[in-house]
Protein backbone atom coordinates (compact mmCIF):
# COMPACT_ATOMS: atom_id res chain seq x y z
CA MET A 1 125.88 150.64 94.55
CA THR A 2 126.20 147.26 95.53
CA ARG A 3 123.39 144.25 94.26
CA GLU A 4 121.15 143.10 96.54
CA LEU A 5 119.74 139.73 96.21
CA THR A 6 117.13 137.06 97.53
CA GLN A 7 118.35 133.67 99.01
CA LEU A 8 117.17 131.88 95.86
CA GLU A 9 118.71 134.34 94.06
CA ILE A 10 121.41 133.52 94.85
CA LEU A 11 121.37 130.60 95.20
CA GLN A 12 120.86 129.87 91.49
CA GLU A 13 123.52 132.39 90.63
CA LEU A 14 125.89 130.29 92.65
CA GLU A 15 124.87 126.82 90.97
CA PRO A 16 127.70 127.16 88.68
CA VAL A 17 130.12 127.29 91.00
CA ALA A 18 128.81 124.83 93.82
CA GLU A 19 129.25 122.21 90.81
CA GLN A 20 132.02 123.30 89.96
CA ASN A 21 133.11 122.52 93.52
CA LEU A 22 131.79 119.31 93.52
CA ASN A 23 133.23 118.66 90.94
CA ARG A 24 136.87 119.54 92.31
CA HIS A 25 135.90 117.79 95.55
CA LEU A 26 134.89 114.14 93.96
CA SER A 27 138.29 114.18 91.86
CA MET A 28 140.10 115.02 95.68
CA ALA A 29 137.65 113.37 98.05
CA LYS A 30 138.98 109.62 98.94
CA ASP A 31 136.77 106.32 100.24
CA TRP A 32 137.50 104.70 103.06
CA HIS A 33 136.57 102.40 105.81
CA PRO A 34 135.74 102.98 109.18
CA HIS A 35 136.52 99.46 109.88
CA ASP A 36 139.95 99.40 108.55
CA TYR A 37 140.82 102.29 111.32
CA VAL A 38 139.80 100.38 114.28
CA PRO A 39 142.25 97.13 116.00
CA TRP A 40 138.65 95.39 116.53
CA ASP A 41 141.74 92.31 117.94
CA GLN A 42 141.59 93.97 120.93
CA GLY A 43 137.37 93.85 121.25
CA ARG A 44 137.74 90.62 121.38
CA ASN A 45 140.60 90.75 124.37
CA PHE A 46 137.58 91.81 126.18
CA ALA A 47 134.93 90.35 124.92
CA ALA A 48 137.20 87.23 126.50
CA LEU A 49 136.16 88.55 129.97
CA GLY A 50 132.48 87.90 129.85
CA GLY A 51 130.97 91.80 129.54
CA GLN A 52 131.76 93.24 132.21
CA ASP A 53 131.38 96.79 133.49
CA TRP A 54 133.66 99.20 131.83
CA ASP A 55 136.66 100.00 134.67
CA PRO A 56 138.70 102.94 133.60
CA SER A 57 141.70 100.85 134.54
CA GLN A 58 140.53 99.14 131.17
CA SER A 59 141.09 102.52 128.77
CA SER A 60 144.37 103.55 128.12
CA LEU A 61 143.57 107.34 127.50
CA SER A 62 144.36 110.76 129.23
CA GLU A 63 141.22 112.69 130.76
CA VAL A 64 142.15 114.79 128.24
CA ALA A 65 141.68 112.44 125.47
CA LYS A 66 138.99 110.72 126.92
CA VAL A 67 137.47 114.57 126.94
CA ALA A 68 138.16 115.52 123.61
CA MET A 69 137.75 112.22 122.29
CA VAL A 70 133.72 112.67 123.90
CA THR A 71 133.07 116.02 122.50
CA ASN A 72 134.35 115.49 119.13
CA LEU A 73 132.40 112.14 119.01
CA LEU A 74 129.22 113.98 120.59
CA THR A 75 130.14 116.49 117.93
CA GLU A 76 129.81 114.23 114.99
CA ASP A 77 126.38 112.50 116.71
CA ASN A 78 124.61 115.96 115.85
CA LEU A 79 124.38 115.38 112.21
CA PRO A 80 121.30 115.10 111.47
CA SER A 81 120.36 118.48 112.99
CA TYR A 82 123.88 120.15 110.92
CA HIS A 83 122.03 118.35 107.14
CA ARG A 84 118.52 119.57 107.91
CA GLU A 85 120.28 123.46 108.39
CA ILE A 86 122.64 122.31 105.57
CA ALA A 87 119.35 121.67 103.27
CA GLU A 88 117.16 123.25 104.37
CA ASN A 89 119.54 126.75 103.91
CA PHE A 90 121.28 125.77 100.70
CA SER A 91 118.50 123.24 98.41
CA GLN A 92 117.51 119.62 97.56
CA GLU A 93 118.50 120.50 94.30
CA GLY A 94 120.45 120.09 91.07
CA ALA A 95 124.90 120.68 92.64
CA TRP A 96 123.54 121.95 95.39
CA GLY A 97 121.36 118.57 96.91
CA THR A 98 124.38 116.69 94.92
CA TRP A 99 126.45 118.12 97.73
CA VAL A 100 123.91 117.82 100.55
CA GLY A 101 123.42 114.63 100.38
CA ARG A 102 128.11 113.64 100.02
CA TRP A 103 128.56 116.02 102.24
CA THR A 104 126.37 114.26 105.41
CA ALA A 105 127.47 110.42 103.64
CA GLU A 106 131.10 111.92 104.56
CA GLU A 107 130.39 112.87 107.55
CA ASN A 108 128.55 110.69 108.94
CA ARG A 109 131.73 107.73 108.30
CA HIS A 110 133.46 110.08 111.26
CA GLY A 111 131.14 109.43 113.90
CA ILE A 112 130.80 105.37 113.37
CA VAL A 113 134.56 104.69 113.51
CA ILE A 114 134.84 107.34 116.67
CA ARG A 115 132.84 105.05 118.23
CA ASP A 116 133.77 101.90 117.30
CA TYR A 117 137.91 102.55 118.37
CA LEU A 118 136.10 104.11 122.02
CA VAL A 119 134.07 101.48 121.72
CA VAL A 120 136.05 98.38 121.10
CA THR A 121 139.03 99.77 123.09
CA ARG A 122 137.33 100.37 125.86
CA GLY A 123 138.76 103.80 125.34
CA VAL A 124 135.51 105.58 127.58
CA ASP A 125 132.60 104.78 129.64
CA PRO A 126 130.27 103.39 127.12
CA VAL A 127 127.02 103.27 129.23
CA ALA A 128 128.08 106.95 130.29
CA LEU A 129 128.48 108.18 125.79
CA GLU A 130 125.02 106.59 125.04
CA GLN A 131 123.44 108.34 127.66
CA ALA A 132 125.30 111.49 126.55
CA ARG A 133 124.84 110.65 123.11
CA MET A 134 120.77 110.78 123.52
CA ILE A 135 120.43 113.38 125.97
CA HIS A 136 122.67 115.73 122.93
CA MET A 137 120.81 114.51 120.13
CA THR A 138 117.61 114.52 121.17
CA ASN A 139 118.48 118.64 121.73
CA GLY A 140 120.42 118.47 118.43
CA ALA A 141 120.90 121.90 117.33
CA HIS A 142 120.07 124.76 115.23
CA SER A 143 120.66 127.79 113.35
CA PRO A 144 119.50 131.89 115.47
CA ASP A 145 116.70 132.43 115.21
CA ASP A 146 117.79 136.03 113.07
CA TRP A 147 119.85 134.16 110.71
CA GLY A 148 118.46 134.60 107.49
CA GLY A 149 119.86 131.77 104.42
CA PHE A 150 122.12 130.29 103.76
CA LEU A 151 125.11 133.29 103.73
CA GLU A 152 124.92 132.25 107.30
CA ASN A 153 125.34 129.34 107.18
CA VAL A 154 127.70 129.17 103.91
CA ALA A 155 129.89 131.18 106.49
CA TYR A 156 129.55 129.75 109.91
CA VAL A 157 130.21 125.91 108.12
CA THR A 158 133.63 127.43 106.95
CA PHE A 159 134.49 128.51 110.11
CA GLN A 160 133.52 125.39 111.44
CA GLU A 161 135.03 123.36 109.61
CA LEU A 162 138.40 124.47 109.73
CA ALA A 163 138.15 124.62 113.55
CA THR A 164 136.48 120.68 113.54
CA ARG A 165 139.46 119.93 112.06
CA ILE A 166 142.45 121.04 113.54
CA SER A 167 140.64 120.20 116.88
CA HIS A 168 140.33 116.18 114.96
CA ARG A 169 144.07 117.03 114.62
CA ASN A 170 144.66 118.03 118.11
CA THR A 171 142.77 115.27 119.75
CA GLY A 172 145.03 112.08 117.91
CA ARG A 173 147.96 113.28 119.49
CA VAL A 174 147.04 113.55 122.35
CA CYS A 175 145.70 110.52 122.48
CA HIS A 176 149.41 109.03 122.62
CA ASP A 177 148.08 105.91 120.15
CA ALA A 178 149.13 105.46 116.69
CA ILE A 179 145.82 103.87 115.50
CA ALA A 180 143.61 106.62 117.35
CA ASP A 181 146.23 109.72 115.29
CA ARG A 182 145.29 108.21 112.64
CA MET A 183 141.76 107.60 112.57
CA LEU A 184 141.71 111.29 113.63
CA GLN A 185 143.76 112.48 110.96
CA ARG A 186 141.93 110.99 108.22
CA ILE A 187 138.45 112.87 109.59
CA ALA A 188 140.50 115.68 109.69
CA ALA A 189 141.73 115.75 105.99
CA ASP A 190 138.07 115.14 105.33
CA GLU A 191 137.31 118.70 107.07
CA ASN A 192 139.51 120.21 104.81
CA LEU A 193 138.26 119.43 101.69
CA HIS A 194 134.63 120.26 102.88
CA MET A 195 136.07 123.59 104.43
CA ILE A 196 137.72 124.10 100.93
CA PHE A 197 134.26 123.82 99.70
CA TYR A 198 132.04 125.80 101.77
CA ARG A 199 134.86 128.45 102.19
CA THR A 200 134.97 129.07 98.27
CA LEU A 201 131.12 129.66 98.15
CA CYS A 202 131.58 132.23 100.62
CA GLY A 203 134.26 133.83 98.78
CA ALA A 204 132.11 133.78 95.43
CA GLY A 205 128.76 135.45 97.86
CA LEU A 206 131.21 137.51 99.22
CA ASP A 207 132.04 138.63 94.79
CA LEU A 208 128.23 138.88 94.65
CA VAL A 209 126.14 140.13 96.53
CA PRO A 210 129.14 142.12 98.68
CA ASP A 211 127.68 143.93 101.94
CA GLN A 212 125.13 141.15 102.51
CA ALA A 213 127.90 138.90 102.66
CA MET A 214 130.40 140.99 104.80
CA GLU A 215 127.00 140.97 106.93
CA ALA A 216 126.32 137.86 107.20
CA ILE A 217 130.75 136.68 108.59
CA THR A 218 130.35 139.12 109.98
CA LYS A 219 127.28 138.72 112.51
CA VAL A 220 129.00 134.71 112.36
CA LEU A 221 132.20 135.49 113.70
CA THR A 222 131.23 138.15 116.28
CA ASN A 223 128.42 134.81 117.54
CA PHE A 224 130.19 132.06 116.97
CA VAL A 225 130.01 128.69 118.88
CA MET A 226 131.54 125.27 118.77
CA PRO A 227 128.65 123.02 116.66
CA GLY A 228 128.21 120.65 120.30
CA ALA A 229 127.79 123.85 122.60
CA GLY A 230 125.09 121.47 124.03
CA MET A 231 125.75 118.47 125.09
CA PRO A 232 126.62 118.16 129.01
CA ASN A 233 129.97 119.23 130.54
CA PHE A 234 130.03 121.35 127.15
CA ARG A 235 132.19 124.52 129.06
CA ARG A 236 133.57 122.17 131.60
CA ASN A 237 135.65 119.61 129.12
CA GLY A 238 136.06 123.27 126.66
CA VAL A 239 138.08 124.71 129.21
CA LEU A 240 139.75 120.96 129.58
CA MET A 241 140.79 121.24 126.02
CA ALA A 242 141.45 124.69 125.71
CA LYS A 243 144.04 124.20 128.71
CA HIS A 244 145.81 120.85 127.25
CA GLY A 245 146.07 123.15 123.29
CA ILE A 246 143.05 120.67 121.42
CA TYR A 247 141.81 123.88 120.49
CA ASP A 248 141.88 127.05 122.30
CA LEU A 249 141.87 131.12 121.82
CA ARG A 250 144.96 131.01 120.31
CA GLN A 251 143.89 128.31 117.27
CA HIS A 252 141.20 129.53 117.09
CA LEU A 253 142.26 133.18 115.94
CA GLU A 254 145.58 132.42 114.31
CA GLU A 255 144.29 128.82 112.47
CA VAL A 256 140.72 129.72 111.65
CA VAL A 257 139.92 133.57 111.72
CA GLN A 258 142.98 135.08 110.85
CA PRO A 259 142.88 132.38 107.43
CA VAL A 260 140.00 132.04 105.73
CA LEU A 261 139.69 136.21 106.25
CA LYS A 262 142.35 136.76 104.38
CA ASN A 263 141.30 133.84 102.27
CA TRP A 264 138.68 135.88 101.05
CA ASN A 265 140.75 139.83 101.28
CA ILE A 266 138.30 141.21 103.73
CA PHE A 267 140.02 144.05 105.18
CA GLU A 268 142.03 144.92 101.80
CA ARG A 269 138.63 145.17 99.09
CA ASN A 270 136.96 147.67 97.56
CA ASP A 271 133.75 146.56 96.09
CA PHE A 272 131.19 147.38 100.05
CA GLY A 273 128.77 150.38 99.94
CA PRO A 274 127.96 151.20 103.56
CA ARG A 275 126.49 148.13 104.85
CA GLY A 276 129.64 146.42 104.02
CA GLU A 277 132.16 149.44 105.53
CA ARG A 278 130.08 149.68 108.36
CA ALA A 279 129.82 145.36 109.13
CA ARG A 280 133.80 144.90 108.34
CA GLU A 281 134.09 148.04 110.96
CA ILE A 282 132.80 146.01 113.30
CA LEU A 283 134.54 142.97 112.26
CA ALA A 284 137.58 144.82 112.37
CA ALA A 285 136.56 145.26 116.32
CA TYR A 286 136.31 142.34 117.19
CA VAL A 287 139.33 140.74 115.70
CA GLU A 288 141.56 143.04 117.69
CA LYS A 289 139.34 142.03 120.55
CA LEU A 290 140.01 138.52 120.56
CA GLU A 291 143.71 139.46 119.97
CA ALA A 292 143.26 141.20 123.28
CA ASP A 293 141.78 138.25 125.09
CA THR A 294 143.79 135.34 123.44
CA LEU A 295 146.96 136.98 125.35
CA LYS A 296 144.31 137.40 129.16
CA PHE A 297 143.43 133.55 128.47
CA GLU A 298 147.46 132.12 127.68
CA GLU A 299 148.05 134.75 130.89
CA GLN A 300 145.38 133.18 132.53
CA ARG A 301 146.87 128.97 131.71
CA ASP A 302 150.33 129.87 131.95
CA ARG A 303 149.69 130.81 135.36
CA LEU A 304 147.23 127.99 136.53
CA LEU A 305 149.59 125.56 134.56
CA ALA A 306 152.46 126.58 136.65
CA ARG A 307 150.68 126.16 140.23
CA GLU A 308 149.37 122.86 139.20
CA ALA A 309 153.30 122.06 137.98
CA ALA A 310 154.33 122.78 141.35
CA ARG A 311 151.62 121.02 143.91
CA ALA A 312 152.71 118.23 141.00
CA GLU A 313 156.63 118.81 141.84
CA LEU A 314 155.49 119.15 146.36
CA GLN A 315 153.47 115.57 146.40
CA THR A 316 156.72 113.99 144.52
CA VAL A 317 159.34 115.27 147.39
């Protein structure tokens, strides 16, 4: 019979694992300074224009790059909400509290450096960007009402950190700017270390309370949404990013879902009771459906891109 523990008991049991992985993280994390990744000379050049209103011609970014950069930045902007959720569902004591503070401080760099880059390079309209930030942060981010605490939250941030890493990495590539690419690769490296911490702690939760953890993982994945889901124009921008390969269903399946489930040995474990087995069956069906949905999405995307290419060719004739 599998163990059934309260959220407090789980946190107490896993605190030695948290401390061990906090120390591991601190030994691997590299300090860096946002100001080192911003081309301040470009800002001085624009200042010479006398503070004129932003004009699209000032930006060297494509429309896809602008959308991706703003989406990534607004996602990072909601850090106060993420901090609250993590602090409430982990702990503010001992190794847990130290991790929450350290993670928050590292994450805060991401919003700082992306915003400085976009404002200094005049990459996007700074007024529109600030208006979107006010809306998104006022709305905040909240866990679903039926999430039970630590297990759901640690499962979610495992997948979310990895997804965010991929989005940042691919955004750097479409910017066609060495400075932006270097900056976003630096952020992606942070996100990867954060993911490893959460993935390890969730894996330890699976070993400790297999059924409870399996139910949490299934609930999170079958209801997964990116953390920026409430921002202005999120659906339209998400479709554009998926269409151009910044973050799409194939990447979600093959670079996020499947590797993490493999790391946890989900479909080979033999320590589940009836509840865990049932949750694993639901998850297996979900992954199978996700594979089918991925193929459908790619077929639709390929047809759309072919039509757009044909129209562009006619316009050049």
